[in-house]
Amino acid sequence: QVQLVESGGGLVQAGGSLRLSCAASGRGFSTFDMGWFRQAPGKEREFVAAITWSGGNTIYADSVKGRFTISRDNAKNTVYLQMNSLKPEDTAVYYCASRRRYGSGSYYSKGSYDYWGQGTQVTVSS
């Protein structure tokens, strides 16, 4: 069993920055691929970014490419999402999720992930 706890959300003005953290408990963090998703009110949960178990590969949604950076520290069992140049349309609840390395399914698909955190609210004011 893996438990994921997000933190770092808040209210920020457009153009500002936030860094989200996701701390994992349980065994095997260094063998999990990790992803960040977000869900705005009335919308489907959508992919934001993912990082492979070793940190060697990262992928991003087009809407955040060049502004957001995903990283991980396996010694601390933590994955991060650095968000710069925030826009009002980035407002959402942000979730981290884990999946086994070499797992099947697309990194972009929420159905490919096994465990989820409770989410952290990010609000960007204009």
C-alpha atoms as a PDB file:
ATOM      1  CA  GLN A   1       0.000   0.000   0.000  1.00  0.00           C
ATOM      2  CA  VAL A   2       1.250   3.463  -0.928  1.00  0.00           C
ATOM      3  CA  GLN A   3      -0.008   6.684   0.590  1.00  0.00           C
ATOM      4  CA  LEU A   4       0.550   9.971  -1.204  1.00  0.00           C
ATOM      5  CA  VAL A   5       0.174  13.375   0.430  1.00  0.00           C
ATOM      6  CA  GLU A   6       0.342  16.590  -1.586  1.00  0.00           C
ATOM      7  CA  SER A   7       1.243  19.987  -0.196  1.00  0.00           C
ATOM      8  CA  GLY A   8       2.264  23.420  -1.397  1.00  0.00           C
ATOM      9  CA  GLY A   9      -0.927  24.642  -2.988  1.00  0.00           C
ATOM     10  CA  GLY A  10      -2.341  28.096  -2.377  1.00  0.00           C
ATOM     11  CA  LEU A  11      -3.430  31.379  -3.866  1.00  0.00           C
ATOM     12  CA  VAL A  12      -1.050  33.178  -6.203  1.00  0.00           C
ATOM     13  CA  GLN A  13      -1.321  36.023  -8.696  1.00  0.00           C
ATOM     14  CA  ALA A  14      -0.985  35.415 -12.401  1.00  0.00           C
ATOM     15  CA  GLY A  15       2.664  35.256 -13.383  1.00  0.00           C
ATOM     16  CA  GLY A  16       3.653  33.900  -9.995  1.00  0.00           C
ATOM     17  CA  SER A  17       5.129  30.566  -8.952  1.00  0.00           C
ATOM     18  CA  LEU A  18       4.346  27.672  -6.654  1.00  0.00           C
ATOM     19  CA  ARG A  19       6.081  24.406  -5.880  1.00  0.00           C
ATOM     20  CA  LEU A  20       3.957  21.410  -5.083  1.00  0.00           C
ATOM     21  CA  SER A  21       5.305  18.430  -3.186  1.00  0.00           C
ATOM     22  CA  CYS A  22       4.008  14.892  -2.958  1.00  0.00           C
ATOM     23  CA  ALA A  23       5.379  12.746  -0.155  1.00  0.00           C
ATOM     24  CA  ALA A  24       5.002   8.988  -0.408  1.00  0.00           C
ATOM     25  CA  SER A  25       4.895   6.513   2.427  1.00  0.00           C
ATOM     26  CA  GLY A  26       5.209   2.782   2.102  1.00  0.00           C
ATOM     27  CA  ARG A  27       7.855   0.798   0.313  1.00  0.00           C
ATOM     28  CA  GLY A  28       9.115   0.986  -3.201  1.00  0.00           C
ATOM     29  CA  PHE A  29       8.899   4.665  -4.082  1.00  0.00           C
ATOM     30  CA  SER A  30      12.059   4.441  -6.184  1.00  0.00           C
ATOM     31  CA  THR A  31      10.350   1.811  -8.344  1.00  0.00           C
ATOM     32  CA  PHE A  32       7.285   3.937  -9.122  1.00  0.00           C
ATOM     33  CA  ASP A  33       6.665   6.213 -12.019  1.00  0.00           C
ATOM     34  CA  MET A  34       4.933   9.356 -10.730  1.00  0.00           C
ATOM     35  CA  GLY A  35       2.438  11.706 -12.294  1.00  0.00           C
ATOM     36  CA  TRP A  36       0.675  14.977 -11.594  1.00  0.00           C
ATOM     37  CA  PHE A  37      -2.897  15.558 -12.698  1.00  0.00           C
ATOM     38  CA  ARG A  38      -5.318  18.405 -12.116  1.00  0.00           C
ATOM     39  CA  GLN A  39      -9.046  18.884 -12.033  1.00  0.00           C
ATOM     40  CA  ALA A  40     -10.853  22.182 -12.417  1.00  0.00           C
ATOM     41  CA  PRO A  41     -14.488  22.595 -11.344  1.00  0.00           C
ATOM     42  CA  GLY A  42     -16.838  20.958 -13.820  1.00  0.00           C
ATOM     43  CA  LYS A  43     -14.000  19.443 -15.833  1.00  0.00           C
ATOM     44  CA  GLU A  44     -12.393  16.054 -16.210  1.00  0.00           C
ATOM     45  CA  ARG A  45      -9.165  15.272 -14.377  1.00  0.00           C
ATOM     46  CA  GLU A  46      -6.352  15.923 -16.837  1.00  0.00           C
ATOM     47  CA  PHE A  47      -2.720  14.969 -17.161  1.00  0.00           C
ATOM     48  CA  VAL A  48      -0.106  17.578 -16.252  1.00  0.00           C
ATOM     49  CA  ALA A  49       3.287  15.855 -16.037  1.00  0.00           C
ATOM     50  CA  ALA A  50       4.973  12.544 -15.325  1.00  0.00           C
ATOM     51  CA  ILE A  51       8.436  11.316 -14.397  1.00  0.00           C
ATOM     52  CA  THR A  52       9.826   7.813 -14.666  1.00  0.00           C
ATOM     53  CA  TRP A  53      11.017   5.845 -11.656  1.00  0.00           C
ATOM     54  CA  SER A  54      14.672   6.810 -12.154  1.00  0.00           C
ATOM     55  CA  GLY A  55      13.929  10.409 -13.005  1.00  0.00           C
ATOM     56  CA  GLY A  56      15.493   9.875 -16.373  1.00  0.00           C
ATOM     57  CA  ASN A  57      12.477  10.789 -18.438  1.00  0.00           C
ATOM     58  CA  THR A  58       9.793  13.436 -18.048  1.00  0.00           C
ATOM     59  CA  ILE A  59       6.737  14.283 -20.114  1.00  0.00           C
ATOM     60  CA  TYR A  60       4.391  17.255 -19.998  1.00  0.00           C
ATOM     61  CA  ALA A  61       1.006  18.308 -21.230  1.00  0.00           C
ATOM     62  CA  ASP A  62       1.312  20.894 -23.988  1.00  0.00           C
ATOM     63  CA  SER A  63      -0.530  23.426 -21.837  1.00  0.00           C
ATOM     64  CA  VAL A  64       2.238  23.468 -19.209  1.00  0.00           C
ATOM     65  CA  LYS A  65       5.327  22.711 -21.280  1.00  0.00           C
ATOM     66  CA  GLY A  66       8.029  25.291 -20.666  1.00  0.00           C
ATOM     67  CA  ARG A  67       6.353  26.578 -17.494  1.00  0.00           C
ATOM     68  CA  PHE A  68       6.156  23.535 -15.196  1.00  0.00           C
ATOM     69  CA  THR A  69       8.950  21.174 -14.143  1.00  0.00           C
ATOM     70  CA  ILE A  70       8.509  17.781 -12.518  1.00  0.00           C
ATOM     71  CA  SER A  71      11.318  16.293 -10.463  1.00  0.00           C
ATOM     72  CA  ARG A  72      11.821  13.709  -7.755  1.00  0.00           C
ATOM     73  CA  ASP A  73      14.090  12.904  -4.844  1.00  0.00           C
ATOM     74  CA  ASN A  74      14.035   9.159  -4.248  1.00  0.00           C
ATOM     75  CA  ALA A  75      16.019   9.541  -1.030  1.00  0.00           C
ATOM     76  CA  LYS A  76      13.176  11.650   0.348  1.00  0.00           C
ATOM     77  CA  ASN A  77      10.325   9.675  -1.245  1.00  0.00           C
ATOM     78  CA  THR A  78       9.064  12.914  -2.740  1.00  0.00           C
ATOM     79  CA  VAL A  79       8.053  14.189  -6.153  1.00  0.00           C
ATOM     80  CA  TYR A  80       7.792  17.902  -6.946  1.00  0.00           C
ATOM     81  CA  LEU A  81       6.013  20.102  -9.427  1.00  0.00           C
ATOM     82  CA  GLN A  82       7.580  23.521  -9.912  1.00  0.00           C
ATOM     83  CA  MET A  83       5.002  25.816 -11.507  1.00  0.00           C
ATOM     84  CA  ASN A  84       6.142  29.126 -12.999  1.00  0.00           C
ATOM     85  CA  SER A  85       4.357  31.795 -15.019  1.00  0.00           C
ATOM     86  CA  LEU A  86       1.057  30.653 -13.603  1.00  0.00           C
ATOM     87  CA  LYS A  87      -2.149  31.546 -15.410  1.00  0.00           C
ATOM     88  CA  PRO A  88      -5.753  31.724 -14.175  1.00  0.00           C
ATOM     89  CA  GLU A  89      -6.505  28.639 -16.281  1.00  0.00           C
ATOM     90  CA  ASP A  90      -4.060  26.664 -14.117  1.00  0.00           C
ATOM     91  CA  THR A  91      -6.534  26.955 -11.252  1.00  0.00           C
ATOM     92  CA  ALA A  92      -7.477  23.430 -10.159  1.00  0.00           C
ATOM     93  CA  VAL A  93      -7.022  20.765  -7.534  1.00  0.00           C
ATOM     94  CA  TYR A  94      -3.684  19.096  -8.227  1.00  0.00           C
ATOM     95  CA  TYR A  95      -3.213  15.392  -7.570  1.00  0.00           C
ATOM     96  CA  CYS A  96      -0.150  13.209  -7.576  1.00  0.00           C
ATOM     97  CA  ALA A  97      -0.371   9.577  -8.552  1.00  0.00           C
ATOM     98  CA  SER A  98       1.901   6.550  -8.749  1.00  0.00           C
ATOM     99  CA  ARG A  99       2.202   3.515 -10.992  1.00  0.00           C
ATOM    100  CA  ARG A 100       4.617   0.604 -11.105  1.00  0.00           C
ATOM    101  CA  ARG A 101       7.627   1.057 -13.363  1.00  0.00           C
ATOM    102  CA  TYR A 102       7.305  -0.634 -16.716  1.00  0.00           C
ATOM    103  CA  GLY A 103       3.563  -0.597 -16.205  1.00  0.00           C
ATOM    104  CA  SER A 104       1.198  -0.760 -19.117  1.00  0.00           C
ATOM    105  CA  GLY A 105      -0.916   2.078 -20.359  1.00  0.00           C
ATOM    106  CA  SER A 106      -0.188   5.638 -21.296  1.00  0.00           C
ATOM    107  CA  TYR A 107       1.401   8.049 -18.850  1.00  0.00           C
ATOM    108  CA  TYR A 108      -1.274  10.493 -19.971  1.00  0.00           C
ATOM    109  CA  SER A 109      -4.119   8.277 -18.816  1.00  0.00           C
ATOM    110  CA  LYS A 110      -5.363   8.496 -15.227  1.00  0.00           C
ATOM    111  CA  GLY A 111      -6.431   4.855 -15.492  1.00  0.00           C
ATOM    112  CA  SER A 112      -2.769   3.853 -15.708  1.00  0.00           C
ATOM    113  CA  TYR A 113      -2.069   4.951 -12.137  1.00  0.00           C
ATOM    114  CA  ASP A 114      -2.644   2.848  -9.049  1.00  0.00           C
ATOM    115  CA  TYR A 115      -2.525   5.224  -6.104  1.00  0.00           C
ATOM    116  CA  TRP A 116      -3.647   8.822  -5.684  1.00  0.00           C
ATOM    117  CA  GLY A 117      -3.240  11.573  -3.159  1.00  0.00           C
ATOM    118  CA  GLN A 118      -6.051  13.674  -1.777  1.00  0.00           C
ATOM    119  CA  GLY A 119      -5.152  16.737  -3.827  1.00  0.00           C
ATOM    120  CA  THR A 120      -4.060  20.285  -3.107  1.00  0.00           C
ATOM    121  CA  GLN A 121      -5.856  23.420  -4.314  1.00  0.00           C
ATOM    122  CA  VAL A 122      -4.063  25.875  -6.578  1.00  0.00           C
ATOM    123  CA  THR A 123      -5.828  29.152  -7.298  1.00  0.00           C
ATOM    124  CA  VAL A 124      -4.371  31.713  -9.693  1.00  0.00           C
ATOM    125  CA  SER A 125      -5.937  35.156  -9.631  1.00  0.00           C
ATOM    126  CA  SER A 126      -5.903  37.494 -12.607  1.00  0.00           C
END
